[in-house]
Amino acid sequence: MSGQEILRADEVRAGYVPGVDILNGCSLTLNAGEIVGIIGPNGAGKSTLLKAIFGLLKVREGSIVHRGDSVLGMKAHELVARGIGYVPQRENVFPSLSILENLEMGCYLRKAEVASQTDVILGLFPRLAERRNQRAGSLSGGERQMLAMGRALMMKPEVLLLDEPSAGLSPMLQDQVFLRTREINQTGVSVVMVEQNARRCLQICDRGYVLDQGRNAYTDTGSNLLNDPKVVELYLGSLAS
């Protein structure tokens, strides 16, 4: 399933310290309705690319365009207002706040829609609905991940950036994350997912990018990458769980 191009990163170079690039000219395209997966070995620049797209890391060279407009230099809240949501791998909930309060924080730019969107999100994540008044800090790792995804969805984004959503979860909870990601996509949200569980990621994504040393190594449909002997030999053997 694919449609109009809505997000593009071209020849992006970025890093955390002066003079050292983690991203060495990598590119990515997201079309409406797609799930795009980003896989690769540790240190390949996968999470760094998401941070660069979401304005958390300064881009030294290259371009990032959302619906025809450059978004380089935009702050996170400006990107959220444009319809781009981001779920970091760590520290992605407010542990001292309840589930409902976390969701409310996710809709701070559209306070009038908090109640209606909360109902939508709790319908998508029944486990959160059961524990709506429970503090986020007391949730399991899988429940926290669901809450982080739910909070990002409160602003009704058209693009959702997920940074290793299955990291640290049991195989059963990982399956839940991938299932929910597909369900979120089916509601009309286009998804870019960084994942260490490469095989599972490629099974659900429309297209995949394999990054290595901050560059695009392979790009194809998820199913083609799963069956590419070179990708299997070089990446899936060590990356897939």
Protein backbone atom coordinates (compact mmCIF):
# COMPACT_ATOMS: atom_id res chain seq x y z
CA MET A 1 0.00 0.00 0.00
CA SER A 2 1.54 3.35 -1.00
CA GLY A 3 0.52 6.79 -2.13
CA GLN A 4 1.86 10.30 -2.35
CA GLU A 5 5.30 11.01 -0.96
CA ILE A 6 4.98 12.76 2.39
CA LEU A 7 8.45 12.61 3.93
CA ARG A 8 11.91 12.53 2.37
CA ALA A 9 15.42 12.66 3.77
CA ASP A 10 18.19 13.10 1.18
CA GLU A 11 21.95 12.63 1.66
CA VAL A 12 21.77 13.41 5.37
CA ARG A 13 24.98 13.89 7.32
CA ALA A 14 24.83 14.34 11.09
CA GLY A 15 26.61 13.36 14.28
CA TYR A 16 26.82 14.02 17.99
CA VAL A 17 30.30 15.56 18.22
CA PRO A 18 32.04 18.06 15.93
CA GLY A 19 33.81 16.51 12.98
CA VAL A 20 32.42 13.00 13.48
CA ASP A 21 29.51 11.95 11.28
CA ILE A 22 27.29 9.03 12.28
CA LEU A 23 25.11 9.54 9.22
CA ASN A 24 27.20 9.63 6.05
CA GLY A 25 24.75 10.60 3.35
CA CYS A 26 21.81 8.29 4.00
CA SER A 27 18.40 8.82 2.42
CA LEU A 28 14.82 7.72 3.08
CA THR A 29 11.41 8.20 1.49
CA LEU A 30 8.02 7.61 3.12
CA ASN A 31 4.83 7.48 1.06
CA ALA A 32 1.32 7.89 2.41
CA GLY A 33 0.00 4.66 3.89
CA GLU A 34 3.34 2.89 4.17
CA ILE A 35 5.25 1.23 6.95
CA VAL A 36 8.95 1.74 6.25
CA GLY A 37 11.45 -0.29 8.27
CA ILE A 38 15.04 0.69 9.04
CA ILE A 39 17.37 -2.13 10.05
CA GLY A 40 21.11 -2.59 10.35
CA PRO A 41 23.86 -3.44 12.82
CA ASN A 42 24.44 -1.56 16.06
CA GLY A 43 26.02 1.82 15.39
CA ALA A 44 24.72 1.96 11.82
CA GLY A 45 22.89 5.25 12.46
CA LYS A 46 19.31 3.99 12.56
CA SER A 47 18.15 5.88 15.67
CA THR A 48 20.34 8.81 14.70
CA LEU A 49 18.41 9.16 11.45
CA LEU A 50 15.10 9.37 13.32
CA LYS A 51 16.53 12.00 15.68
CA ALA A 52 17.76 14.02 12.72
CA ILE A 53 14.34 13.85 11.05
CA PHE A 54 12.61 14.91 14.28
CA GLY A 55 14.89 17.88 14.85
CA LEU A 56 16.69 16.43 17.87
CA LEU A 57 20.04 16.43 16.08
CA LYS A 58 21.45 19.12 13.83
CA VAL A 59 21.80 18.09 10.20
CA ARG A 60 25.17 19.14 8.77
CA GLU A 61 24.41 18.34 5.15
CA GLY A 62 21.43 17.13 3.16
CA SER A 63 17.73 17.86 3.28
CA ILE A 64 14.61 16.74 5.12
CA VAL A 65 11.30 17.60 3.48
CA HIS A 66 7.73 17.08 4.72
CA ARG A 67 4.98 17.58 2.15
CA GLY A 68 7.19 19.73 -0.02
CA ASP A 69 8.47 21.98 2.78
CA SER A 70 11.93 21.87 4.30
CA VAL A 71 11.71 21.04 8.02
CA LEU A 72 15.42 21.45 8.75
CA GLY A 73 15.91 23.43 11.93
CA MET A 74 12.32 23.03 13.12
CA LYS A 75 11.77 22.27 16.80
CA ALA A 76 10.06 19.11 17.98
CA HIS A 77 6.81 20.90 18.88
CA GLU A 78 6.69 22.47 15.40
CA LEU A 79 7.05 19.06 13.79
CA VAL A 80 4.32 17.65 16.05
CA ALA A 81 2.06 20.49 14.94
CA ARG A 82 2.80 19.54 11.31
CA GLY A 83 1.65 15.98 11.98
CA ILE A 84 4.90 14.15 12.74
CA GLY A 85 4.98 12.08 15.94
CA TYR A 86 8.03 10.46 17.54
CA VAL A 87 8.33 7.65 20.09
CA PRO A 88 11.85 7.38 21.57
CA GLN A 89 13.22 4.07 22.75
CA ARG A 90 13.92 5.20 26.32
CA GLU A 91 12.33 7.60 28.81
CA ASN A 92 9.20 7.73 26.67
CA VAL A 93 6.58 8.13 29.43
CA PHE A 94 6.12 10.37 32.48
CA PRO A 95 6.44 7.76 35.27
CA SER A 96 4.86 9.87 38.03
CA LEU A 97 1.74 10.61 35.98
CA SER A 98 -1.21 8.30 35.36
CA ILE A 99 -1.99 6.78 31.99
CA LEU A 100 -4.73 9.37 31.43
CA GLU A 101 -2.41 12.22 32.41
CA ASN A 102 0.27 10.92 30.04
CA LEU A 103 -2.24 10.87 27.21
CA GLU A 104 -3.37 14.38 28.06
CA MET A 105 0.26 15.57 27.86
CA GLY A 106 0.37 14.15 24.35
CA CYS A 107 -2.44 16.47 23.25
CA TYR A 108 -1.14 19.68 24.81
CA LEU A 109 -1.33 21.55 21.49
CA ARG A 110 -5.02 20.66 21.03
CA LYS A 111 -6.50 20.63 24.49
CA ALA A 112 -10.06 20.76 23.21
CA GLU A 113 -9.57 17.32 21.65
CA VAL A 114 -8.16 15.56 24.74
CA ALA A 115 -11.37 13.75 25.70
CA SER A 116 -12.28 12.54 22.22
CA GLN A 117 -8.75 11.43 21.38
CA THR A 118 -8.34 9.69 24.73
CA ASP A 119 -11.38 7.56 23.90
CA VAL A 120 -9.86 6.67 20.53
CA ILE A 121 -6.50 5.68 22.02
CA LEU A 122 -8.01 3.65 24.86
CA GLY A 123 -10.07 1.81 22.25
CA LEU A 124 -6.88 0.97 20.37
CA PHE A 125 -5.05 -0.15 23.52
CA PRO A 126 -7.56 -1.99 25.77
CA ARG A 127 -4.87 -2.80 28.33
CA LEU A 128 -4.36 0.91 28.93
CA ALA A 129 -8.10 1.41 29.28
CA GLU A 130 -8.18 -1.18 32.06
CA ARG A 131 -5.44 0.69 33.96
CA ARG A 132 -6.23 4.27 32.98
CA ASN A 133 -5.70 5.70 36.49
CA GLN A 134 -2.53 3.72 37.21
CA ARG A 135 0.82 5.51 37.37
CA ALA A 136 2.94 4.96 34.28
CA GLY A 137 5.95 4.13 36.44
CA SER A 138 4.24 0.98 37.66
CA LEU A 139 3.52 -0.39 34.17
CA SER A 140 5.39 -3.25 32.54
CA GLY A 141 7.82 -2.54 29.71
CA GLY A 142 5.26 -3.56 27.12
CA GLU A 143 2.55 -1.42 28.68
CA ARG A 144 4.88 1.58 28.78
CA GLN A 145 5.63 1.11 25.10
CA MET A 146 1.92 1.03 24.30
CA LEU A 147 1.40 4.18 26.35
CA ALA A 148 4.26 5.96 24.57
CA MET A 149 2.76 5.05 21.21
CA GLY A 150 -0.69 6.11 22.40
CA ARG A 151 0.56 9.46 23.63
CA ALA A 152 2.23 10.17 20.28
CA LEU A 153 -1.06 9.35 18.55
CA MET A 154 -3.03 11.86 20.62
CA MET A 155 -2.16 14.61 18.14
CA LYS A 156 -3.49 12.52 15.22
CA PRO A 157 -0.18 12.48 13.35
CA GLU A 158 0.04 11.45 9.72
CA VAL A 159 3.60 10.23 10.31
CA LEU A 160 4.80 8.19 13.30
CA LEU A 161 8.52 7.66 13.93
CA LEU A 162 9.15 4.60 16.14
CA ASP A 163 12.62 4.04 17.61
CA GLU A 164 13.06 0.33 18.40
CA PRO A 165 9.58 -0.17 19.88
CA SER A 166 10.18 -3.86 20.66
CA ALA A 167 13.53 -3.38 22.44
CA GLY A 168 13.78 -5.24 25.75
CA LEU A 169 10.37 -6.91 25.45
CA SER A 170 9.55 -10.60 25.60
CA PRO A 171 8.72 -12.32 22.28
CA MET A 172 5.01 -12.26 23.13
CA LEU A 173 5.06 -8.53 23.90
CA GLN A 174 7.14 -7.89 20.79
CA ASP A 175 4.37 -9.52 18.75
CA GLN A 176 1.88 -7.16 20.41
CA VAL A 177 3.96 -4.14 19.43
CA PHE A 178 4.17 -5.23 15.79
CA LEU A 179 0.46 -6.02 15.74
CA ARG A 180 -0.42 -2.60 17.16
CA THR A 181 1.92 -0.91 14.69
CA ARG A 182 0.09 -2.56 11.82
CA GLU A 183 -3.27 -1.56 13.32
CA ILE A 184 -2.08 2.04 13.72
CA ASN A 185 -0.96 2.02 10.08
CA GLN A 186 -4.37 0.75 9.00
CA THR A 187 -6.00 3.79 10.59
CA GLY A 188 -4.13 5.95 8.06
CA VAL A 189 -0.88 6.73 9.90
CA SER A 190 2.31 6.27 7.90
CA VAL A 191 5.10 4.72 9.97
CA VAL A 192 8.89 4.76 9.98
CA MET A 193 10.16 2.04 12.32
CA VAL A 194 13.74 1.49 13.47
CA GLU A 195 14.13 -2.09 14.68
CA GLN A 196 16.75 -4.56 15.89
CA ASN A 197 14.26 -7.40 15.34
CA ALA A 198 15.03 -7.17 11.64
CA ARG A 199 13.16 -10.21 10.42
CA ARG A 200 9.91 -9.33 12.21
CA CYS A 201 10.19 -5.72 11.05
CA LEU A 202 10.61 -6.71 7.41
CA GLN A 203 7.63 -9.04 7.68
CA ILE A 204 5.25 -6.13 8.34
CA CYS A 205 6.87 -3.25 6.45
CA ASP A 206 6.08 -2.25 2.88
CA ARG A 207 9.63 -1.14 2.20
CA GLY A 208 12.87 -1.49 4.12
CA TYR A 209 16.20 0.27 4.35
CA VAL A 210 19.34 -1.48 5.54
CA LEU A 211 21.80 1.04 6.99
CA ASP A 212 25.47 0.27 7.50
CA GLN A 213 28.02 2.79 8.75
CA GLY A 214 25.55 5.62 8.23
CA ARG A 215 24.86 4.80 4.59
CA ASN A 216 22.14 3.02 2.64
CA ALA A 217 23.36 -0.53 2.02
CA TYR A 218 20.16 -2.05 0.62
CA THR A 219 16.68 -0.73 -0.17
CA ASP A 220 13.73 -2.80 -1.36
CA THR A 221 10.33 -4.10 -0.36
CA GLY A 222 10.22 -5.85 2.98
CA SER A 223 9.53 -9.22 1.36
CA ASN A 224 12.36 -8.86 -1.14
CA LEU A 225 14.86 -7.96 1.59
CA LEU A 226 13.72 -10.97 3.61
CA ASN A 227 14.57 -13.20 0.67
CA ASP A 228 17.72 -11.44 -0.55
CA PRO A 229 20.62 -13.88 0.02
CA LYS A 230 23.10 -11.05 0.64
CA VAL A 231 20.85 -9.34 3.19
CA VAL A 232 20.19 -12.65 4.91
CA GLU A 233 23.89 -13.50 5.02
CA LEU A 234 25.16 -10.10 6.11
CA TYR A 235 22.38 -8.82 8.37
CA LEU A 236 19.44 -11.09 9.15
CA GLY A 237 21.46 -13.90 10.63
CA SER A 238 22.81 -11.73 13.43
CA LEU A 239 19.98 -9.20 13.68
CA ALA A 240 16.87 -11.34 13.59
CA SER A 241 15.57 -12.78 16.82
